[in-house]
Amino acid sequence: MRLAILSDTHGLLRPEVTEHLRTADAILHGGDINRQSIVDELRQYAPLYIVRGNNDKDWAEAIPHDLTVTLGGVTFFMVHNRKEVPADLAGVDAVVFGHSHKYVQEEKDGVLWLNPGSCGPRRFHQEITMMTAEAEDGKIRVEKVIIPHGTA
């Protein structure tokens, strides 16, 4: 199962990102979407699993704060802010989060921690990034995707 993992789009869905969404079997979004129109567009590409970020206000009340989903035999726990991940991650294989706009891919105590970074407007001179992943038979392989940018 091919996954597109993104976060912190902040109202901008770049064409370079949508190219990866076209081939995804599912999309995981770690929050800070900023507009319903982005959610609607994401849903056109593949099944969408999404959590609410700190910048997702009244319009996003129906979007969950956190979510647990199993795809390709891999169980993901999703929340926008890493500080809000529960201490007990029993049964979780990977944590997907956002908020910091900084790419993270690290294993800790048998759990894979994934922050795809931000693929929305560029901030703080950081890279514009997302992730693609293959999840199959309970195993996951993740790849960093760096999105080229001009000034935006």
C-alpha atoms as a PDB file:
ATOM      1  CA  MET A   1       0.000   0.000   0.000  1.00  0.00           C
ATOM      2  CA  ARG A   2       1.470   3.328  -1.098  1.00  0.00           C
ATOM      3  CA  LEU A   3       1.021   6.193   1.375  1.00  0.00           C
ATOM      4  CA  ALA A   4       1.487   9.936   1.079  1.00  0.00           C
ATOM      5  CA  ILE A   5       2.248  11.498   4.470  1.00  0.00           C
ATOM      6  CA  LEU A   6       2.071  15.250   4.822  1.00  0.00           C
ATOM      7  CA  SER A   7       1.459  17.982   7.359  1.00  0.00           C
ATOM      8  CA  ASP A   8       1.305  21.731   7.769  1.00  0.00           C
ATOM      9  CA  THR A   9      -0.049  22.580   4.332  1.00  0.00           C
ATOM     10  CA  HIS A  10      -1.393  25.866   5.789  1.00  0.00           C
ATOM     11  CA  GLY A  11      -3.810  26.458   2.921  1.00  0.00           C
ATOM     12  CA  LEU A  12      -1.365  25.611   0.106  1.00  0.00           C
ATOM     13  CA  LEU A  13      -1.404  22.373  -1.879  1.00  0.00           C
ATOM     14  CA  ARG A  14       1.565  22.582  -4.237  1.00  0.00           C
ATOM     15  CA  PRO A  15       1.447  20.872  -7.676  1.00  0.00           C
ATOM     16  CA  GLU A  16       4.639  18.976  -6.744  1.00  0.00           C
ATOM     17  CA  VAL A  17       2.772  17.519  -3.749  1.00  0.00           C
ATOM     18  CA  THR A  18      -0.309  16.565  -5.756  1.00  0.00           C
ATOM     19  CA  GLU A  19       1.908  14.544  -8.107  1.00  0.00           C
ATOM     20  CA  HIS A  20       2.661  12.230  -5.165  1.00  0.00           C
ATOM     21  CA  LEU A  21      -0.989  12.190  -4.083  1.00  0.00           C
ATOM     22  CA  ARG A  22      -2.070  10.872  -7.497  1.00  0.00           C
ATOM     23  CA  THR A  23      -0.231   7.584  -6.917  1.00  0.00           C
ATOM     24  CA  ALA A  24      -1.197   7.145  -3.239  1.00  0.00           C
ATOM     25  CA  ASP A  25      -3.531   4.441  -1.964  1.00  0.00           C
ATOM     26  CA  ALA A  26      -4.106   6.539   1.172  1.00  0.00           C
ATOM     27  CA  ILE A  27      -3.128   9.985   2.499  1.00  0.00           C
ATOM     28  CA  LEU A  28      -2.182  10.780   6.104  1.00  0.00           C
ATOM     29  CA  HIS A  29      -2.216  14.479   7.071  1.00  0.00           C
ATOM     30  CA  GLY A  30      -0.782  15.617  10.401  1.00  0.00           C
ATOM     31  CA  GLY A  31      -2.822  18.815  10.729  1.00  0.00           C
ATOM     32  CA  ASP A  32      -2.657  22.562  10.128  1.00  0.00           C
ATOM     33  CA  ILE A  33      -4.657  22.300   6.950  1.00  0.00           C
ATOM     34  CA  ASN A  34      -6.177  25.787   7.375  1.00  0.00           C
ATOM     35  CA  ARG A  35      -9.034  25.474   4.849  1.00  0.00           C
ATOM     36  CA  GLN A  36     -11.864  23.073   4.077  1.00  0.00           C
ATOM     37  CA  SER A  37     -11.060  23.373   0.366  1.00  0.00           C
ATOM     38  CA  ILE A  38      -7.694  21.654   1.000  1.00  0.00           C
ATOM     39  CA  VAL A  39      -9.471  18.756   2.753  1.00  0.00           C
ATOM     40  CA  ASP A  40     -11.908  18.491  -0.148  1.00  0.00           C
ATOM     41  CA  GLU A  41      -9.081  18.417  -2.699  1.00  0.00           C
ATOM     42  CA  LEU A  42      -7.095  15.812  -0.731  1.00  0.00           C
ATOM     43  CA  ARG A  43     -10.162  13.544  -0.651  1.00  0.00           C
ATOM     44  CA  GLN A  44     -10.246  13.528  -4.464  1.00  0.00           C
ATOM     45  CA  TYR A  45      -6.947  11.624  -4.617  1.00  0.00           C
ATOM     46  CA  ALA A  46      -7.286   8.787  -2.084  1.00  0.00           C
ATOM     47  CA  PRO A  47      -8.842   7.874   1.263  1.00  0.00           C
ATOM     48  CA  LEU A  48      -7.818  10.598   3.718  1.00  0.00           C
ATOM     49  CA  TYR A  49      -6.827  10.182   7.366  1.00  0.00           C
ATOM     50  CA  ILE A  50      -6.443  13.584   8.959  1.00  0.00           C
ATOM     51  CA  VAL A  51      -6.077  15.247  12.356  1.00  0.00           C
ATOM     52  CA  ARG A  52      -6.758  18.814  13.442  1.00  0.00           C
ATOM     53  CA  GLY A  53      -3.814  21.157  14.006  1.00  0.00           C
ATOM     54  CA  ASN A  54      -3.537  24.160  16.311  1.00  0.00           C
ATOM     55  CA  ASN A  55      -4.286  26.514  13.370  1.00  0.00           C
ATOM     56  CA  ASP A  56      -7.401  24.579  12.327  1.00  0.00           C
ATOM     57  CA  LYS A  57     -10.148  26.577  14.001  1.00  0.00           C
ATOM     58  CA  ASP A  58     -13.966  26.446  13.986  1.00  0.00           C
ATOM     59  CA  TRP A  59     -14.260  25.152  10.422  1.00  0.00           C
ATOM     60  CA  ALA A  60     -12.358  21.983  11.484  1.00  0.00           C
ATOM     61  CA  GLU A  61     -14.445  20.957  14.512  1.00  0.00           C
ATOM     62  CA  ALA A  62     -15.417  17.668  12.808  1.00  0.00           C
ATOM     63  CA  ILE A  63     -11.761  16.706  12.245  1.00  0.00           C
ATOM     64  CA  PRO A  64     -10.442  14.567  15.127  1.00  0.00           C
ATOM     65  CA  HIS A  65      -7.673  15.762  17.455  1.00  0.00           C
ATOM     66  CA  ASP A  66      -6.003  12.363  17.188  1.00  0.00           C
ATOM     67  CA  LEU A  67      -6.596   9.206  15.215  1.00  0.00           C
ATOM     68  CA  THR A  68      -5.422   5.593  15.148  1.00  0.00           C
ATOM     69  CA  VAL A  69      -5.580   3.776  11.822  1.00  0.00           C
ATOM     70  CA  THR A  70      -4.112   0.537  10.470  1.00  0.00           C
ATOM     71  CA  LEU A  71      -2.983   0.512   6.833  1.00  0.00           C
ATOM     72  CA  GLY A  72      -1.028  -2.286   5.201  1.00  0.00           C
ATOM     73  CA  GLY A  73      -0.816  -4.007   8.569  1.00  0.00           C
ATOM     74  CA  VAL A  74       0.934  -0.971  10.118  1.00  0.00           C
ATOM     75  CA  THR A  75      -0.863   0.810  12.985  1.00  0.00           C
ATOM     76  CA  PHE A  76      -0.428   4.582  12.949  1.00  0.00           C
ATOM     77  CA  PHE A  77      -1.218   7.001  15.769  1.00  0.00           C
ATOM     78  CA  MET A  78      -1.730  10.516  14.432  1.00  0.00           C
ATOM     79  CA  VAL A  79      -1.734  13.828  16.315  1.00  0.00           C
ATOM     80  CA  HIS A  80      -0.542  17.292  15.316  1.00  0.00           C
ATOM     81  CA  ASN A  81       1.718  18.089  18.259  1.00  0.00           C
ATOM     82  CA  ARG A  82       4.286  15.496  19.373  1.00  0.00           C
ATOM     83  CA  LYS A  83       3.861  16.723  22.970  1.00  0.00           C
ATOM     84  CA  GLU A  84       0.302  15.325  22.909  1.00  0.00           C
ATOM     85  CA  VAL A  85       1.277  11.740  22.101  1.00  0.00           C
ATOM     86  CA  PRO A  86       0.164   9.450  24.962  1.00  0.00           C
ATOM     87  CA  ALA A  87       2.817   7.648  26.992  1.00  0.00           C
ATOM     88  CA  ASP A  88       1.239   4.252  26.243  1.00  0.00           C
ATOM     89  CA  LEU A  89       1.723   3.402  22.584  1.00  0.00           C
ATOM     90  CA  ALA A  90       0.914  -0.297  22.941  1.00  0.00           C
ATOM     91  CA  GLY A  91      -0.017  -1.716  19.544  1.00  0.00           C
ATOM     92  CA  VAL A  92       1.247   1.347  17.654  1.00  0.00           C
ATOM     93  CA  ASP A  93       3.914   0.875  14.980  1.00  0.00           C
ATOM     94  CA  ALA A  94       4.302   4.487  13.857  1.00  0.00           C
ATOM     95  CA  VAL A  95       3.418   7.970  15.122  1.00  0.00           C
ATOM     96  CA  VAL A  96       2.610  10.650  12.537  1.00  0.00           C
ATOM     97  CA  PHE A  97       2.771  14.251  13.749  1.00  0.00           C
ATOM     98  CA  GLY A  98       3.539  17.745  12.475  1.00  0.00           C
ATOM     99  CA  HIS A  99       3.578  21.204  14.073  1.00  0.00           C
ATOM    100  CA  SER A 100       7.341  21.898  14.085  1.00  0.00           C
ATOM    101  CA  HIS A 101       7.700  22.012  10.266  1.00  0.00           C
ATOM    102  CA  LYS A 102      10.881  19.949  10.754  1.00  0.00           C
ATOM    103  CA  TYR A 103      11.301  16.564   9.088  1.00  0.00           C
ATOM    104  CA  VAL A 104      11.738  13.665  11.554  1.00  0.00           C
ATOM    105  CA  GLN A 105      12.159   9.965  10.824  1.00  0.00           C
ATOM    106  CA  GLU A 106      13.444   8.098  13.865  1.00  0.00           C
ATOM    107  CA  GLU A 107      12.830   4.833  15.674  1.00  0.00           C
ATOM    108  CA  LYS A 108      12.419   4.964  19.429  1.00  0.00           C
ATOM    109  CA  ASP A 109      11.516   1.969  21.602  1.00  0.00           C
ATOM    110  CA  GLY A 110      10.258   0.016  18.586  1.00  0.00           C
ATOM    111  CA  VAL A 111       7.988   2.851  17.353  1.00  0.00           C
ATOM    112  CA  LEU A 112       8.711   4.809  14.179  1.00  0.00           C
ATOM    113  CA  TRP A 113       8.242   8.571  14.712  1.00  0.00           C
ATOM    114  CA  LEU A 114       7.374  10.435  11.513  1.00  0.00           C
ATOM    115  CA  ASN A 115       7.056  14.164  10.966  1.00  0.00           C
ATOM    116  CA  PRO A 116       6.815  14.846   7.233  1.00  0.00           C
ATOM    117  CA  GLY A 117       7.755  18.485   7.808  1.00  0.00           C
ATOM    118  CA  SER A 118       5.789  21.185   6.028  1.00  0.00           C
ATOM    119  CA  CYS A 119       4.811  21.192   2.367  1.00  0.00           C
ATOM    120  CA  GLY A 120       2.817  24.425   2.598  1.00  0.00           C
ATOM    121  CA  PRO A 121       4.217  27.961   2.534  1.00  0.00           C
ATOM    122  CA  ARG A 122       7.932  28.025   3.267  1.00  0.00           C
ATOM    123  CA  ARG A 123       8.816  29.296   6.739  1.00  0.00           C
ATOM    124  CA  PHE A 124      12.035  29.887   8.637  1.00  0.00           C
ATOM    125  CA  HIS A 125      14.199  28.981   5.592  1.00  0.00           C
ATOM    126  CA  GLN A 126      13.333  25.320   6.172  1.00  0.00           C
ATOM    127  CA  GLU A 127      13.090  22.655   3.498  1.00  0.00           C
ATOM    128  CA  ILE A 128       9.657  21.966   2.047  1.00  0.00           C
ATOM    129  CA  THR A 129       9.097  18.263   2.632  1.00  0.00           C
ATOM    130  CA  MET A 130       6.629  15.391   2.757  1.00  0.00           C
ATOM    131  CA  MET A 131       6.947  11.600   2.891  1.00  0.00           C
ATOM    132  CA  THR A 132       5.945   8.668   0.787  1.00  0.00           C
ATOM    133  CA  ALA A 133       5.802   5.209   2.291  1.00  0.00           C
ATOM    134  CA  GLU A 134       5.108   1.612   1.404  1.00  0.00           C
ATOM    135  CA  ALA A 135       3.187  -0.264   4.101  1.00  0.00           C
ATOM    136  CA  GLU A 136       2.730  -3.997   3.598  1.00  0.00           C
ATOM    137  CA  ASP A 137       2.389  -7.011   5.894  1.00  0.00           C
ATOM    138  CA  GLY A 138       3.027  -4.899   8.993  1.00  0.00           C
ATOM    139  CA  LYS A 139       6.275  -3.422   7.637  1.00  0.00           C
ATOM    140  CA  ILE A 140       6.852   0.131   6.488  1.00  0.00           C
ATOM    141  CA  ARG A 141       9.479   1.756   4.298  1.00  0.00           C
ATOM    142  CA  VAL A 142       9.544   5.570   4.320  1.00  0.00           C
ATOM    143  CA  GLU A 143      11.126   8.001   1.862  1.00  0.00           C
ATOM    144  CA  LYS A 144      11.725  11.711   2.345  1.00  0.00           C
ATOM    145  CA  VAL A 145      10.461  13.897  -0.484  1.00  0.00           C
ATOM    146  CA  ILE A 146      12.004  17.345  -0.847  1.00  0.00           C
ATOM    147  CA  ILE A 147       9.751  19.750  -2.749  1.00  0.00           C
ATOM    148  CA  PRO A 148      11.609  22.315  -4.881  1.00  0.00           C
ATOM    149  CA  HIS A 149      10.581  25.891  -4.149  1.00  0.00           C
ATOM    150  CA  GLY A 150      10.922  29.385  -5.434  1.00  0.00           C
ATOM    151  CA  THR A 151      10.214  32.063  -2.864  1.00  0.00           C
ATOM    152  CA  ALA A 152       6.862  30.741  -1.589  1.00  0.00           C
END
